[in-house]
Amino acid sequence: MADTTQMLKGILDGCLLSIIKEGEIYGYELAAKLESYGFHSFSEGTIYPLLLRMQKEGLVSTTLRKSTAGPKRKYYSLTEKGEQELEQFILRWTQLSSSVNNVLNKGYFSS
């Protein structure tokens, strides 16, 4: 699955931003949501460095909250800048996926 992982590298950020937009969420929940959407090759260990970078870039903000089991959890929320980045990602993804589909289908189904 290394090939799939390489292909998804640039796409994962947009997917994470989209999930976070749904509401505050912590890392383990993010990993579980990704898995529920069919992304089986990503663990929390893959996700946390991306979240840290997104936090440094001002795309997400964090809040520490008490947990019913164990230490406090870091919850992630989308910032205004993160929402703008998500909108840009959606535009880029729509254009890219359309172009790839045109190539794979030899343009037969282009609109």
N, C-alpha and C. Protein backbone atom coordinates (compact mmCIF):
# COMPACT_ATOMS: atom_id res chain seq x y z
N MET A 1 0.81 -1.21 0.00
CA MET A 1 0.00 0.00 0.00
C MET A 1 0.85 1.26 0.00
N ALA A 2 2.15 1.13 -0.13
CA ALA A 2 3.00 2.32 -0.15
C ALA A 2 2.62 3.23 -1.31
N ASP A 3 2.23 2.66 -2.44
CA ASP A 3 1.84 3.48 -3.58
C ASP A 3 0.60 4.31 -3.26
N THR A 4 -0.38 3.70 -2.62
CA THR A 4 -1.59 4.41 -2.23
C THR A 4 -1.26 5.51 -1.23
N THR A 5 -0.41 5.21 -0.26
CA THR A 5 -0.02 6.19 0.74
C THR A 5 0.63 7.39 0.07
N GLN A 6 1.48 7.15 -0.90
CA GLN A 6 2.15 8.24 -1.61
C GLN A 6 1.12 9.09 -2.36
N MET A 7 0.15 8.46 -2.99
CA MET A 7 -0.88 9.19 -3.71
C MET A 7 -1.73 10.05 -2.77
N LEU A 8 -1.97 9.53 -1.58
CA LEU A 8 -2.85 10.22 -0.64
C LEU A 8 -2.16 11.32 0.15
N LYS A 9 -0.84 11.38 0.09
CA LYS A 9 -0.09 12.31 0.92
C LYS A 9 -0.63 13.73 0.87
N GLY A 10 -0.85 14.27 -0.31
CA GLY A 10 -1.33 15.63 -0.44
C GLY A 10 -2.82 15.78 -0.22
N ILE A 11 -3.53 14.68 -0.26
CA ILE A 11 -4.99 14.71 -0.15
C ILE A 11 -5.44 14.62 1.31
N LEU A 12 -4.64 14.01 2.13
CA LEU A 12 -5.02 13.76 3.52
C LEU A 12 -5.31 15.05 4.28
N ASP A 13 -4.54 16.10 4.04
CA ASP A 13 -4.78 17.37 4.72
C ASP A 13 -6.21 17.85 4.49
N GLY A 14 -6.64 17.83 3.23
CA GLY A 14 -7.99 18.28 2.91
C GLY A 14 -9.05 17.40 3.56
N CYS A 15 -8.80 16.10 3.60
CA CYS A 15 -9.74 15.19 4.24
C CYS A 15 -9.83 15.48 5.74
N LEU A 16 -8.69 15.71 6.37
CA LEU A 16 -8.70 16.03 7.80
C LEU A 16 -9.44 17.34 8.06
N LEU A 17 -9.18 18.36 7.25
CA LEU A 17 -9.87 19.63 7.43
C LEU A 17 -11.38 19.46 7.28
N SER A 18 -11.79 18.65 6.34
CA SER A 18 -13.22 18.42 6.12
C SER A 18 -13.87 17.73 7.33
N ILE A 19 -13.17 16.76 7.89
CA ILE A 19 -13.70 16.07 9.08
C ILE A 19 -13.75 17.01 10.27
N ILE A 20 -12.70 17.80 10.46
CA ILE A 20 -12.66 18.73 11.59
C ILE A 20 -13.75 19.79 11.46
N LYS A 21 -14.10 20.15 10.24
CA LYS A 21 -15.16 21.15 10.04
C LYS A 21 -16.48 20.68 10.62
N GLU A 22 -16.70 19.38 10.70
CA GLU A 22 -17.95 18.82 11.24
C GLU A 22 -18.11 19.15 12.72
N GLY A 23 -17.00 19.42 13.42
CA GLY A 23 -17.06 19.74 14.84
C GLY A 23 -15.78 19.33 15.54
N GLU A 24 -15.60 19.82 16.75
CA GLU A 24 -14.40 19.50 17.52
C GLU A 24 -14.18 18.00 17.58
N ILE A 25 -12.92 17.61 17.46
CA ILE A 25 -12.60 16.19 17.41
C ILE A 25 -11.17 15.99 17.90
N TYR A 26 -10.89 14.84 18.49
CA TYR A 26 -9.51 14.57 18.92
C TYR A 26 -8.90 13.51 18.00
N GLY A 27 -7.60 13.33 18.12
CA GLY A 27 -6.83 12.52 17.19
C GLY A 27 -7.34 11.12 16.96
N TYR A 28 -7.66 10.41 18.02
CA TYR A 28 -8.13 9.03 17.86
C TYR A 28 -9.44 9.01 17.08
N GLU A 29 -10.33 9.96 17.37
CA GLU A 29 -11.60 10.03 16.64
C GLU A 29 -11.36 10.30 15.16
N LEU A 30 -10.38 11.17 14.87
CA LEU A 30 -10.04 11.44 13.47
C LEU A 30 -9.60 10.18 12.75
N ALA A 31 -8.73 9.41 13.41
CA ALA A 31 -8.25 8.16 12.81
C ALA A 31 -9.44 7.21 12.57
N ALA A 32 -10.34 7.13 13.53
CA ALA A 32 -11.51 6.26 13.40
C ALA A 32 -12.42 6.72 12.27
N LYS A 33 -12.63 8.04 12.15
CA LYS A 33 -13.48 8.57 11.07
C LYS A 33 -12.85 8.28 9.72
N LEU A 34 -11.54 8.51 9.60
CA LEU A 34 -10.86 8.20 8.34
C LEU A 34 -11.07 6.74 7.97
N GLU A 35 -10.94 5.87 8.95
CA GLU A 35 -11.13 4.44 8.69
C GLU A 35 -12.56 4.15 8.25
N SER A 36 -13.52 4.83 8.87
CA SER A 36 -14.92 4.61 8.49
C SER A 36 -15.21 5.07 7.06
N TYR A 37 -14.39 5.98 6.55
CA TYR A 37 -14.53 6.45 5.16
C TYR A 37 -13.71 5.60 4.19
N GLY A 38 -13.03 4.58 4.70
CA GLY A 38 -12.30 3.68 3.82
C GLY A 38 -10.79 3.89 3.79
N PHE A 39 -10.28 4.80 4.60
CA PHE A 39 -8.83 5.02 4.68
C PHE A 39 -8.28 4.13 5.78
N HIS A 40 -7.80 2.94 5.41
CA HIS A 40 -7.38 1.96 6.40
C HIS A 40 -5.89 2.00 6.74
N SER A 41 -5.13 2.78 6.01
CA SER A 41 -3.67 2.73 6.20
C SER A 41 -3.14 3.89 7.05
N PHE A 42 -4.03 4.63 7.73
CA PHE A 42 -3.56 5.76 8.53
C PHE A 42 -3.84 5.55 10.00
N SER A 43 -2.81 5.79 10.80
CA SER A 43 -2.94 5.65 12.25
C SER A 43 -2.83 7.04 12.87
N GLU A 44 -3.02 7.08 14.18
CA GLU A 44 -2.83 8.34 14.89
C GLU A 44 -1.41 8.87 14.68
N GLY A 45 -0.44 7.95 14.61
CA GLY A 45 0.95 8.33 14.41
C GLY A 45 1.19 9.04 13.09
N THR A 46 0.36 8.77 12.10
CA THR A 46 0.43 9.45 10.82
C THR A 46 -0.27 10.80 10.90
N ILE A 47 -1.35 10.85 11.63
CA ILE A 47 -2.21 12.03 11.68
C ILE A 47 -1.64 13.15 12.55
N TYR A 48 -1.06 12.81 13.71
CA TYR A 48 -0.60 13.85 14.63
C TYR A 48 0.43 14.82 14.04
N PRO A 49 1.43 14.36 13.28
CA PRO A 49 2.35 15.33 12.68
C PRO A 49 1.64 16.29 11.72
N LEU A 50 0.65 15.80 11.00
CA LEU A 50 -0.12 16.67 10.11
C LEU A 50 -0.92 17.70 10.90
N LEU A 51 -1.52 17.25 12.00
CA LEU A 51 -2.29 18.17 12.84
C LEU A 51 -1.39 19.23 13.47
N LEU A 52 -0.20 18.82 13.88
CA LEU A 52 0.76 19.77 14.46
C LEU A 52 1.13 20.84 13.44
N ARG A 53 1.41 20.41 12.21
CA ARG A 53 1.75 21.36 11.16
C ARG A 53 0.57 22.28 10.88
N MET A 54 -0.63 21.72 10.81
CA MET A 54 -1.83 22.53 10.56
C MET A 54 -2.04 23.56 11.67
N GLN A 55 -1.73 23.15 12.91
CA GLN A 55 -1.85 24.07 14.03
C GLN A 55 -0.84 25.21 13.89
N LYS A 56 0.40 24.88 13.54
CA LYS A 56 1.44 25.90 13.36
C LYS A 56 1.08 26.86 12.23
N GLU A 57 0.40 26.35 11.19
CA GLU A 57 0.00 27.17 10.05
C GLU A 57 -1.29 27.96 10.32
N GLY A 58 -1.89 27.73 11.49
CA GLY A 58 -3.10 28.46 11.85
C GLY A 58 -4.37 27.94 11.20
N LEU A 59 -4.34 26.69 10.73
CA LEU A 59 -5.53 26.11 10.08
C LEU A 59 -6.47 25.48 11.09
N VAL A 60 -5.90 25.02 12.21
CA VAL A 60 -6.71 24.45 13.29
C VAL A 60 -6.28 25.06 14.61
N SER A 61 -7.21 25.09 15.54
CA SER A 61 -6.89 25.51 16.90
C SER A 61 -7.13 24.31 17.81
N THR A 62 -6.55 24.34 19.00
CA THR A 62 -6.69 23.20 19.91
C THR A 62 -7.19 23.65 21.28
N THR A 63 -7.86 22.73 21.93
CA THR A 63 -8.35 22.93 23.29
C THR A 63 -8.12 21.62 24.05
N LEU A 64 -7.55 21.72 25.25
CA LEU A 64 -7.39 20.54 26.09
C LEU A 64 -8.65 20.36 26.93
N ARG A 65 -9.17 19.15 26.95
CA ARG A 65 -10.38 18.85 27.71
C ARG A 65 -10.17 17.59 28.53
N LYS A 66 -10.86 17.54 29.65
CA LYS A 66 -10.81 16.34 30.49
C LYS A 66 -11.38 15.16 29.73
N SER A 67 -10.82 14.01 30.04
CA SER A 67 -11.29 12.77 29.44
C SER A 67 -11.90 11.91 30.53
N THR A 68 -12.90 11.14 30.17
CA THR A 68 -13.52 10.23 31.15
C THR A 68 -12.58 9.08 31.46
N ALA A 69 -11.62 8.83 30.55
CA ALA A 69 -10.67 7.74 30.75
C ALA A 69 -9.26 8.23 30.43
N GLY A 70 -8.47 8.49 31.47
CA GLY A 70 -7.08 8.85 31.23
C GLY A 70 -6.82 10.34 31.21
N PRO A 71 -5.71 10.73 30.57
CA PRO A 71 -5.28 12.13 30.56
C PRO A 71 -6.19 13.02 29.70
N LYS A 72 -5.96 14.32 29.80
CA LYS A 72 -6.73 15.27 28.98
C LYS A 72 -6.50 14.98 27.50
N ARG A 73 -7.51 15.31 26.71
CA ARG A 73 -7.42 15.12 25.26
C ARG A 73 -7.33 16.47 24.58
N LYS A 74 -6.58 16.49 23.47
CA LYS A 74 -6.47 17.69 22.67
C LYS A 74 -7.50 17.63 21.55
N TYR A 75 -8.44 18.57 21.60
CA TYR A 75 -9.49 18.64 20.58
C TYR A 75 -9.11 19.68 19.54
N TYR A 76 -9.40 19.36 18.29
CA TYR A 76 -9.06 20.23 17.17
C TYR A 76 -10.32 20.86 16.59
N SER A 77 -10.22 22.16 16.26
CA SER A 77 -11.30 22.90 15.61
C SER A 77 -10.72 23.63 14.42
N LEU A 78 -11.56 23.87 13.44
CA LEU A 78 -11.14 24.59 12.25
C LEU A 78 -11.15 26.10 12.53
N THR A 79 -10.11 26.78 12.10
CA THR A 79 -10.07 28.23 12.20
C THR A 79 -10.67 28.82 10.92
N GLU A 80 -10.81 30.12 10.88
CA GLU A 80 -11.29 30.78 9.66
C GLU A 80 -10.31 30.51 8.51
N LYS A 81 -9.02 30.57 8.81
CA LYS A 81 -8.00 30.28 7.80
C LYS A 81 -8.12 28.82 7.33
N GLY A 82 -8.43 27.92 8.25
CA GLY A 82 -8.62 26.51 7.91
C GLY A 82 -9.82 26.31 7.00
N GLU A 83 -10.89 27.07 7.26
CA GLU A 83 -12.08 26.97 6.40
C GLU A 83 -11.76 27.46 4.99
N GLN A 84 -10.98 28.53 4.89
CA GLN A 84 -10.57 29.04 3.57
C GLN A 84 -9.70 28.01 2.85
N GLU A 85 -8.80 27.39 3.59
CA GLU A 85 -7.93 26.37 2.99
C GLU A 85 -8.75 25.18 2.51
N LEU A 86 -9.76 24.79 3.29
CA LEU A 86 -10.64 23.69 2.88
C LEU A 86 -11.38 24.04 1.60
N GLU A 87 -11.89 25.26 1.49
CA GLU A 87 -12.58 25.69 0.27
C GLU A 87 -11.64 25.60 -0.93
N GLN A 88 -10.40 26.04 -0.75
CA GLN A 88 -9.41 25.97 -1.83
C GLN A 88 -9.10 24.52 -2.20
N PHE A 89 -8.97 23.67 -1.18
CA PHE A 89 -8.72 22.25 -1.42
C PHE A 89 -9.84 21.64 -2.25
N ILE A 90 -11.09 21.96 -1.90
CA ILE A 90 -12.24 21.40 -2.62
C ILE A 90 -12.20 21.83 -4.08
N LEU A 91 -11.88 23.09 -4.34
CA LEU A 91 -11.77 23.56 -5.73
C LEU A 91 -10.67 22.82 -6.48
N ARG A 92 -9.48 22.73 -5.85
CA ARG A 92 -8.36 22.05 -6.49
C ARG A 92 -8.68 20.57 -6.72
N TRP A 93 -9.30 19.93 -5.73
CA TRP A 93 -9.63 18.51 -5.85
C TRP A 93 -10.63 18.29 -6.97
N THR A 94 -11.64 19.12 -7.06
CA THR A 94 -12.66 18.99 -8.09
C THR A 94 -12.03 19.08 -9.48
N GLN A 95 -11.15 20.05 -9.66
CA GLN A 95 -10.48 20.21 -10.95
C GLN A 95 -9.56 19.04 -11.24
N LEU A 96 -8.77 18.63 -10.25
CA LEU A 96 -7.83 17.53 -10.44
C LEU A 96 -8.55 16.22 -10.72
N SER A 97 -9.56 15.90 -9.93
CA SER A 97 -10.26 14.63 -10.13
C SER A 97 -10.97 14.60 -11.48
N SER A 98 -11.49 15.73 -11.92
CA SER A 98 -12.12 15.81 -13.23
C SER A 98 -11.09 15.55 -14.33
N SER A 99 -9.93 16.15 -14.20
CA SER A 99 -8.87 15.96 -15.21
C SER A 99 -8.39 14.51 -15.23
N VAL A 100 -8.18 13.92 -14.07
CA VAL A 100 -7.73 12.53 -14.01
C VAL A 100 -8.79 11.61 -14.61
N ASN A 101 -10.05 11.86 -14.27
CA ASN A 101 -11.13 11.04 -14.84
C ASN A 101 -11.19 11.18 -16.35
N ASN A 102 -10.96 12.39 -16.86
CA ASN A 102 -10.94 12.59 -18.32
C ASN A 102 -9.83 11.77 -18.95
N VAL A 103 -8.66 11.76 -18.34
CA VAL A 103 -7.54 10.99 -18.89
C VAL A 103 -7.86 9.49 -18.83
N LEU A 104 -8.34 9.02 -17.70
CA LEU A 104 -8.62 7.60 -17.55
C LEU A 104 -9.73 7.14 -18.47
N ASN A 105 -10.70 8.01 -18.70
CA ASN A 105 -11.83 7.68 -19.59
C ASN A 105 -11.61 8.20 -21.00
N LYS A 106 -10.40 8.68 -21.28
CA LYS A 106 -10.02 9.22 -22.60
C LYS A 106 -10.95 10.34 -23.04
N GLY A 107 -11.47 11.08 -22.06
CA GLY A 107 -12.29 12.26 -22.38
C GLY A 107 -13.69 11.95 -22.86
N TYR A 108 -14.06 10.68 -22.90
CA TYR A 108 -15.36 10.29 -23.43
C TYR A 108 -16.53 10.80 -22.59
N PHE A 109 -16.28 10.97 -21.31
CA PHE A 109 -17.38 11.35 -20.42
C PHE A 109 -17.22 12.75 -19.90
N SER A 110 -16.40 13.56 -20.51
CA SER A 110 -16.18 14.92 -20.02
C SER A 110 -17.44 15.75 -20.24
N SER A 111 -17.60 16.71 -19.36
CA SER A 111 -18.79 17.55 -19.47
C SER A 111 -18.47 18.87 -20.11
